Amino acid sequence: DLVESGAGLVRPGGSLRLSCAAPELRLDNFAIGWFRQAPGKERERVSCISSSYIAYYSDSVAGRFTITRDNAKSTASLEMNILKPEDTAIYYCVVHSSPQCSGGIGSWGQGTQVTVSS
């Protein structure tokens, strides 16, 4: 199972760090990613990092978000800076079923709420 943390309410321009732990998985050979879903909108992929540490970002977050992974700890993080109200959503950590971000998704986290509001 994937366990997310770091939910919170932050003002526009602020920062949050989301974490994803997979204590029962070895993540070395799998890509890890983050999706989000805002109210009334479709779920979208935000970021992904392959097993070889190649990172992908959606256009909406590129330059503001940073994804990292720590295989030794079976964790991944999403550092979110210069947050905007449109970043408000439930964020989901995922583990892909392959080393590449283009592979299918094997596991989903339960989701964690991020709210950006003044």
N, C-alpha and C. Protein backbone atom coordinates (compact mmCIF):
# COMPACT_ATOMS: atom_id res chain seq x y z
N ASP A 1 0.83 -1.19 0.00
CA ASP A 1 0.00 0.00 0.00
C ASP A 1 0.87 1.25 0.00
N LEU A 2 0.31 2.32 -0.58
CA LEU A 2 1.00 3.60 -0.62
C LEU A 2 0.37 4.52 0.41
N VAL A 3 1.19 5.23 1.15
CA VAL A 3 0.71 6.13 2.18
C VAL A 3 1.22 7.53 1.89
N GLU A 4 0.27 8.46 1.67
CA GLU A 4 0.65 9.83 1.36
C GLU A 4 0.54 10.69 2.60
N SER A 5 1.31 11.75 2.63
CA SER A 5 1.23 12.73 3.71
C SER A 5 1.62 14.09 3.16
N GLY A 6 1.31 15.12 3.95
CA GLY A 6 1.67 16.47 3.54
C GLY A 6 0.50 17.33 3.13
N ALA A 7 -0.70 16.84 3.34
CA ALA A 7 -1.88 17.61 2.99
C ALA A 7 -1.89 18.93 3.73
N GLY A 8 -2.55 19.93 3.12
CA GLY A 8 -2.63 21.18 3.84
C GLY A 8 -3.29 22.29 3.07
N LEU A 9 -3.49 23.37 3.80
CA LEU A 9 -4.04 24.61 3.25
C LEU A 9 -2.90 25.62 3.20
N VAL A 10 -2.71 26.23 2.05
CA VAL A 10 -1.62 27.18 1.89
C VAL A 10 -2.10 28.36 1.07
N ARG A 11 -1.52 29.50 1.30
CA ARG A 11 -1.89 30.69 0.54
C ARG A 11 -1.21 30.69 -0.82
N PRO A 12 -1.79 31.36 -1.78
CA PRO A 12 -1.15 31.47 -3.10
C PRO A 12 0.28 31.97 -2.97
N GLY A 13 1.17 31.34 -3.72
CA GLY A 13 2.58 31.68 -3.63
C GLY A 13 3.34 30.86 -2.64
N GLY A 14 2.62 30.10 -1.82
CA GLY A 14 3.26 29.30 -0.79
C GLY A 14 3.76 27.97 -1.31
N SER A 15 4.25 27.14 -0.37
CA SER A 15 4.85 25.86 -0.72
C SER A 15 4.29 24.75 0.15
N LEU A 16 4.31 23.55 -0.41
CA LEU A 16 3.96 22.34 0.33
C LEU A 16 4.82 21.20 -0.19
N ARG A 17 5.03 20.23 0.67
CA ARG A 17 5.77 19.05 0.26
C ARG A 17 4.92 17.82 0.55
N LEU A 18 4.63 17.08 -0.49
CA LEU A 18 3.89 15.83 -0.34
C LEU A 18 4.87 14.66 -0.31
N SER A 19 4.56 13.68 0.51
CA SER A 19 5.40 12.49 0.59
C SER A 19 4.57 11.25 0.33
N CYS A 20 5.23 10.24 -0.20
CA CYS A 20 4.57 8.97 -0.48
C CYS A 20 5.48 7.86 0.01
N ALA A 21 4.96 7.01 0.86
CA ALA A 21 5.74 5.90 1.41
C ALA A 21 5.15 4.58 0.96
N ALA A 22 6.03 3.67 0.63
CA ALA A 22 5.61 2.33 0.21
C ALA A 22 6.41 1.31 1.01
N PRO A 23 6.10 1.17 2.27
CA PRO A 23 6.92 0.33 3.16
C PRO A 23 6.98 -1.14 2.79
N GLU A 24 6.01 -1.60 2.02
CA GLU A 24 5.98 -3.02 1.68
C GLU A 24 6.44 -3.29 0.26
N LEU A 25 6.95 -2.25 -0.40
CA LEU A 25 7.38 -2.40 -1.79
C LEU A 25 8.84 -2.00 -1.94
N ARG A 26 9.50 -2.63 -2.88
CA ARG A 26 10.80 -2.15 -3.31
C ARG A 26 10.57 -1.38 -4.60
N LEU A 27 10.91 -0.11 -4.56
CA LEU A 27 10.56 0.77 -5.67
C LEU A 27 11.65 0.90 -6.72
N ASP A 28 12.78 0.25 -6.52
CA ASP A 28 13.95 0.45 -7.38
C ASP A 28 13.63 0.33 -8.86
N ASN A 29 12.80 -0.61 -9.23
CA ASN A 29 12.59 -0.91 -10.64
C ASN A 29 11.28 -0.37 -11.19
N PHE A 30 10.69 0.57 -10.48
CA PHE A 30 9.39 1.08 -10.90
C PHE A 30 9.40 2.61 -10.97
N ALA A 31 8.69 3.14 -11.95
CA ALA A 31 8.47 4.58 -12.00
C ALA A 31 7.44 4.96 -10.93
N ILE A 32 7.57 6.17 -10.42
CA ILE A 32 6.67 6.68 -9.39
C ILE A 32 6.12 8.01 -9.87
N GLY A 33 4.84 8.22 -9.64
CA GLY A 33 4.25 9.46 -10.14
C GLY A 33 3.23 10.06 -9.21
N TRP A 34 2.76 11.22 -9.60
CA TRP A 34 1.70 11.93 -8.88
C TRP A 34 0.64 12.35 -9.87
N PHE A 35 -0.61 12.10 -9.50
CA PHE A 35 -1.76 12.57 -10.24
C PHE A 35 -2.53 13.53 -9.32
N ARG A 36 -3.42 14.28 -9.91
CA ARG A 36 -4.31 15.11 -9.09
C ARG A 36 -5.68 15.19 -9.75
N GLN A 37 -6.67 15.44 -8.91
CA GLN A 37 -8.03 15.61 -9.41
C GLN A 37 -8.69 16.75 -8.66
N ALA A 38 -9.07 17.76 -9.39
CA ALA A 38 -9.77 18.90 -8.82
C ALA A 38 -11.27 18.67 -8.95
N PRO A 39 -12.06 19.31 -8.11
CA PRO A 39 -13.53 19.14 -8.17
C PRO A 39 -14.06 19.45 -9.56
N GLY A 40 -14.84 18.52 -10.09
CA GLY A 40 -15.46 18.74 -11.39
C GLY A 40 -14.53 18.57 -12.58
N LYS A 41 -13.31 18.14 -12.33
CA LYS A 41 -12.35 17.99 -13.41
C LYS A 41 -11.84 16.55 -13.49
N GLU A 42 -11.28 16.22 -14.64
CA GLU A 42 -10.72 14.89 -14.81
C GLU A 42 -9.38 14.78 -14.08
N ARG A 43 -9.05 13.55 -13.71
CA ARG A 43 -7.77 13.31 -13.09
C ARG A 43 -6.66 13.56 -14.10
N GLU A 44 -5.60 14.22 -13.69
CA GLU A 44 -4.50 14.51 -14.59
C GLU A 44 -3.17 14.12 -13.96
N ARG A 45 -2.23 13.72 -14.82
CA ARG A 45 -0.90 13.41 -14.32
C ARG A 45 -0.13 14.70 -14.13
N VAL A 46 0.50 14.81 -12.98
CA VAL A 46 1.25 15.99 -12.61
C VAL A 46 2.74 15.80 -12.85
N SER A 47 3.23 14.67 -12.41
CA SER A 47 4.68 14.44 -12.48
C SER A 47 4.96 12.95 -12.36
N CYS A 48 6.13 12.58 -12.85
CA CYS A 48 6.55 11.18 -12.76
C CYS A 48 8.07 11.13 -12.79
N ILE A 49 8.64 10.13 -12.12
CA ILE A 49 10.08 9.94 -12.16
C ILE A 49 10.34 8.47 -12.42
N SER A 50 11.13 8.19 -13.43
CA SER A 50 11.40 6.81 -13.80
C SER A 50 12.40 6.18 -12.84
N SER A 51 12.62 4.90 -13.01
CA SER A 51 13.57 4.20 -12.15
C SER A 51 15.00 4.70 -12.39
N SER A 52 15.23 5.31 -13.55
CA SER A 52 16.54 5.88 -13.85
C SER A 52 16.58 7.38 -13.58
N TYR A 53 15.61 7.84 -12.81
CA TYR A 53 15.58 9.23 -12.31
C TYR A 53 15.30 10.27 -13.39
N ILE A 54 14.67 9.87 -14.47
CA ILE A 54 14.23 10.84 -15.47
C ILE A 54 12.86 11.36 -15.04
N ALA A 55 12.76 12.68 -14.90
CA ALA A 55 11.54 13.29 -14.38
C ALA A 55 10.70 13.90 -15.49
N TYR A 56 9.41 13.80 -15.30
CA TYR A 56 8.44 14.39 -16.22
C TYR A 56 7.52 15.32 -15.42
N TYR A 57 7.15 16.45 -16.03
CA TYR A 57 6.22 17.39 -15.40
C TYR A 57 5.18 17.84 -16.41
N SER A 58 3.96 18.01 -15.96
CA SER A 58 2.95 18.58 -16.84
C SER A 58 3.29 20.06 -17.05
N ASP A 59 2.79 20.61 -18.11
CA ASP A 59 3.06 22.02 -18.42
C ASP A 59 2.58 22.94 -17.30
N SER A 60 1.51 22.53 -16.64
CA SER A 60 0.92 23.39 -15.62
C SER A 60 1.76 23.51 -14.35
N VAL A 61 2.70 22.58 -14.14
CA VAL A 61 3.50 22.62 -12.91
C VAL A 61 5.00 22.72 -13.18
N ALA A 62 5.40 22.58 -14.42
CA ALA A 62 6.84 22.63 -14.74
C ALA A 62 7.44 23.93 -14.25
N GLY A 63 8.59 23.81 -13.60
CA GLY A 63 9.27 24.98 -13.07
C GLY A 63 8.85 25.34 -11.66
N ARG A 64 7.76 24.74 -11.18
CA ARG A 64 7.28 25.01 -9.82
C ARG A 64 7.34 23.78 -8.91
N PHE A 65 7.15 22.61 -9.49
CA PHE A 65 7.14 21.37 -8.73
C PHE A 65 8.41 20.59 -9.00
N THR A 66 8.84 19.82 -7.99
CA THR A 66 10.01 18.95 -8.15
C THR A 66 9.70 17.59 -7.54
N ILE A 67 9.89 16.55 -8.33
CA ILE A 67 9.67 15.19 -7.84
C ILE A 67 11.01 14.54 -7.53
N THR A 68 11.05 13.83 -6.41
CA THR A 68 12.25 13.10 -6.03
C THR A 68 11.86 11.72 -5.54
N ARG A 69 12.85 10.85 -5.47
CA ARG A 69 12.62 9.50 -4.95
C ARG A 69 13.81 9.05 -4.14
N ASP A 70 13.54 8.20 -3.17
CA ASP A 70 14.59 7.62 -2.33
C ASP A 70 14.32 6.12 -2.27
N ASN A 71 15.01 5.40 -3.11
CA ASN A 71 14.74 3.96 -3.18
C ASN A 71 15.08 3.23 -1.88
N ALA A 72 16.10 3.69 -1.21
CA ALA A 72 16.51 3.03 0.04
C ALA A 72 15.41 3.11 1.09
N LYS A 73 14.65 4.19 1.06
CA LYS A 73 13.57 4.38 2.04
C LYS A 73 12.20 4.03 1.46
N SER A 74 12.17 3.67 0.19
CA SER A 74 10.89 3.38 -0.50
C SER A 74 9.94 4.56 -0.38
N THR A 75 10.44 5.72 -0.66
CA THR A 75 9.62 6.92 -0.58
C THR A 75 9.80 7.78 -1.83
N ALA A 76 8.84 8.66 -2.02
CA ALA A 76 8.91 9.66 -3.08
C ALA A 76 8.30 10.94 -2.55
N SER A 77 8.70 12.06 -3.10
CA SER A 77 8.18 13.34 -2.63
C SER A 77 7.87 14.24 -3.81
N LEU A 78 6.97 15.17 -3.56
CA LEU A 78 6.64 16.18 -4.56
C LEU A 78 6.72 17.53 -3.84
N GLU A 79 7.75 18.28 -4.18
CA GLU A 79 7.93 19.62 -3.62
C GLU A 79 7.18 20.58 -4.52
N MET A 80 6.24 21.31 -3.92
CA MET A 80 5.38 22.22 -4.70
C MET A 80 5.61 23.65 -4.25
N ASN A 81 6.06 24.47 -5.16
CA ASN A 81 6.34 25.87 -4.87
C ASN A 81 5.49 26.79 -5.73
N ILE A 82 5.43 28.02 -5.32
CA ILE A 82 4.64 29.05 -6.03
C ILE A 82 3.25 28.50 -6.34
N LEU A 83 2.61 27.99 -5.31
CA LEU A 83 1.31 27.36 -5.50
C LEU A 83 0.26 28.37 -5.91
N LYS A 84 -0.66 27.89 -6.73
CA LYS A 84 -1.74 28.73 -7.27
C LYS A 84 -3.08 28.12 -6.86
N PRO A 85 -4.13 28.91 -6.83
CA PRO A 85 -5.45 28.35 -6.50
C PRO A 85 -5.83 27.18 -7.41
N GLU A 86 -5.41 27.21 -8.64
CA GLU A 86 -5.74 26.12 -9.57
C GLU A 86 -4.97 24.83 -9.27
N ASP A 87 -4.05 24.87 -8.34
CA ASP A 87 -3.38 23.65 -7.90
C ASP A 87 -4.21 22.90 -6.86
N THR A 88 -5.29 23.51 -6.40
CA THR A 88 -6.16 22.87 -5.43
C THR A 88 -6.74 21.58 -6.00
N ALA A 89 -6.52 20.48 -5.30
CA ALA A 89 -6.95 19.18 -5.79
C ALA A 89 -6.61 18.11 -4.75
N ILE A 90 -7.11 16.92 -5.00
CA ILE A 90 -6.64 15.76 -4.27
C ILE A 90 -5.47 15.18 -5.07
N TYR A 91 -4.37 14.97 -4.39
CA TYR A 91 -3.16 14.47 -5.05
C TYR A 91 -2.97 13.00 -4.70
N TYR A 92 -2.68 12.21 -5.73
CA TYR A 92 -2.51 10.76 -5.56
C TYR A 92 -1.11 10.34 -5.97
N CYS A 93 -0.49 9.57 -5.13
CA CYS A 93 0.78 8.95 -5.46
C CYS A 93 0.49 7.64 -6.18
N VAL A 94 1.29 7.33 -7.20
CA VAL A 94 1.13 6.06 -7.91
C VAL A 94 2.49 5.41 -8.11
N VAL A 95 2.47 4.10 -8.17
CA VAL A 95 3.65 3.34 -8.57
C VAL A 95 3.31 2.63 -9.87
N HIS A 96 4.12 2.86 -10.88
CA HIS A 96 3.89 2.22 -12.15
C HIS A 96 4.33 0.76 -12.11
N SER A 97 3.86 0.02 -13.08
CA SER A 97 4.19 -1.41 -13.12
C SER A 97 5.42 -1.66 -13.99
N SER A 98 6.13 -0.60 -14.34
CA SER A 98 7.34 -0.72 -15.14
C SER A 98 8.33 0.36 -14.72
N PRO A 99 9.57 0.28 -15.20
CA PRO A 99 10.55 1.33 -14.86
C PRO A 99 10.25 2.68 -15.50
N GLN A 100 9.43 2.66 -16.56
CA GLN A 100 9.16 3.88 -17.29
C GLN A 100 7.83 4.51 -16.92
N CYS A 101 7.76 5.83 -17.06
CA CYS A 101 6.51 6.54 -16.74
C CYS A 101 5.40 6.23 -17.74
N SER A 102 5.76 5.67 -18.87
CA SER A 102 4.76 5.33 -19.87
C SER A 102 4.07 4.01 -19.57
N GLY A 103 4.56 3.29 -18.58
CA GLY A 103 3.96 2.02 -18.23
C GLY A 103 2.66 2.17 -17.47
N GLY A 104 1.94 1.08 -17.33
CA GLY A 104 0.69 1.10 -16.59
C GLY A 104 0.91 1.37 -15.11
N ILE A 105 -0.17 1.62 -14.42
CA ILE A 105 -0.09 1.93 -12.99
C ILE A 105 -0.47 0.70 -12.19
N GLY A 106 0.43 0.36 -11.25
CA GLY A 106 0.20 -0.83 -10.45
C GLY A 106 -0.49 -0.54 -9.13
N SER A 107 -0.18 0.62 -8.53
CA SER A 107 -0.75 0.94 -7.22
C SER A 107 -1.09 2.42 -7.13
N TRP A 108 -2.19 2.70 -6.40
CA TRP A 108 -2.62 4.08 -6.14
C TRP A 108 -2.62 4.32 -4.64
N GLY A 109 -2.26 5.54 -4.28
CA GLY A 109 -2.41 5.95 -2.89
C GLY A 109 -3.86 6.36 -2.64
N GLN A 110 -4.14 6.68 -1.40
CA GLN A 110 -5.51 7.01 -1.02
C GLN A 110 -5.86 8.47 -1.34
N GLY A 111 -4.87 9.27 -1.63
CA GLY A 111 -5.11 10.67 -1.95
C GLY A 111 -4.91 11.58 -0.76
N THR A 112 -4.42 12.78 -1.03
CA THR A 112 -4.22 13.77 0.02
C THR A 112 -4.63 15.14 -0.52
N GLN A 113 -5.34 15.90 0.31
CA GLN A 113 -5.93 17.15 -0.14
C GLN A 113 -4.95 18.31 -0.05
N VAL A 114 -4.85 19.04 -1.15
CA VAL A 114 -4.07 20.28 -1.18
C VAL A 114 -5.03 21.40 -1.55
N THR A 115 -5.07 22.41 -0.70
CA THR A 115 -5.95 23.56 -0.94
C THR A 115 -5.11 24.83 -0.94
N VAL A 116 -5.24 25.57 -2.02
CA VAL A 116 -4.51 26.84 -2.16
C VAL A 116 -5.54 27.96 -2.18
N SER A 117 -5.54 28.75 -1.13
CA SER A 117 -6.57 29.79 -1.00
C SER A 117 -6.08 30.88 -0.07
N SER A 118 -6.50 32.10 -0.35
CA SER A 118 -6.17 33.21 0.53
C SER A 118 -7.28 33.41 1.56
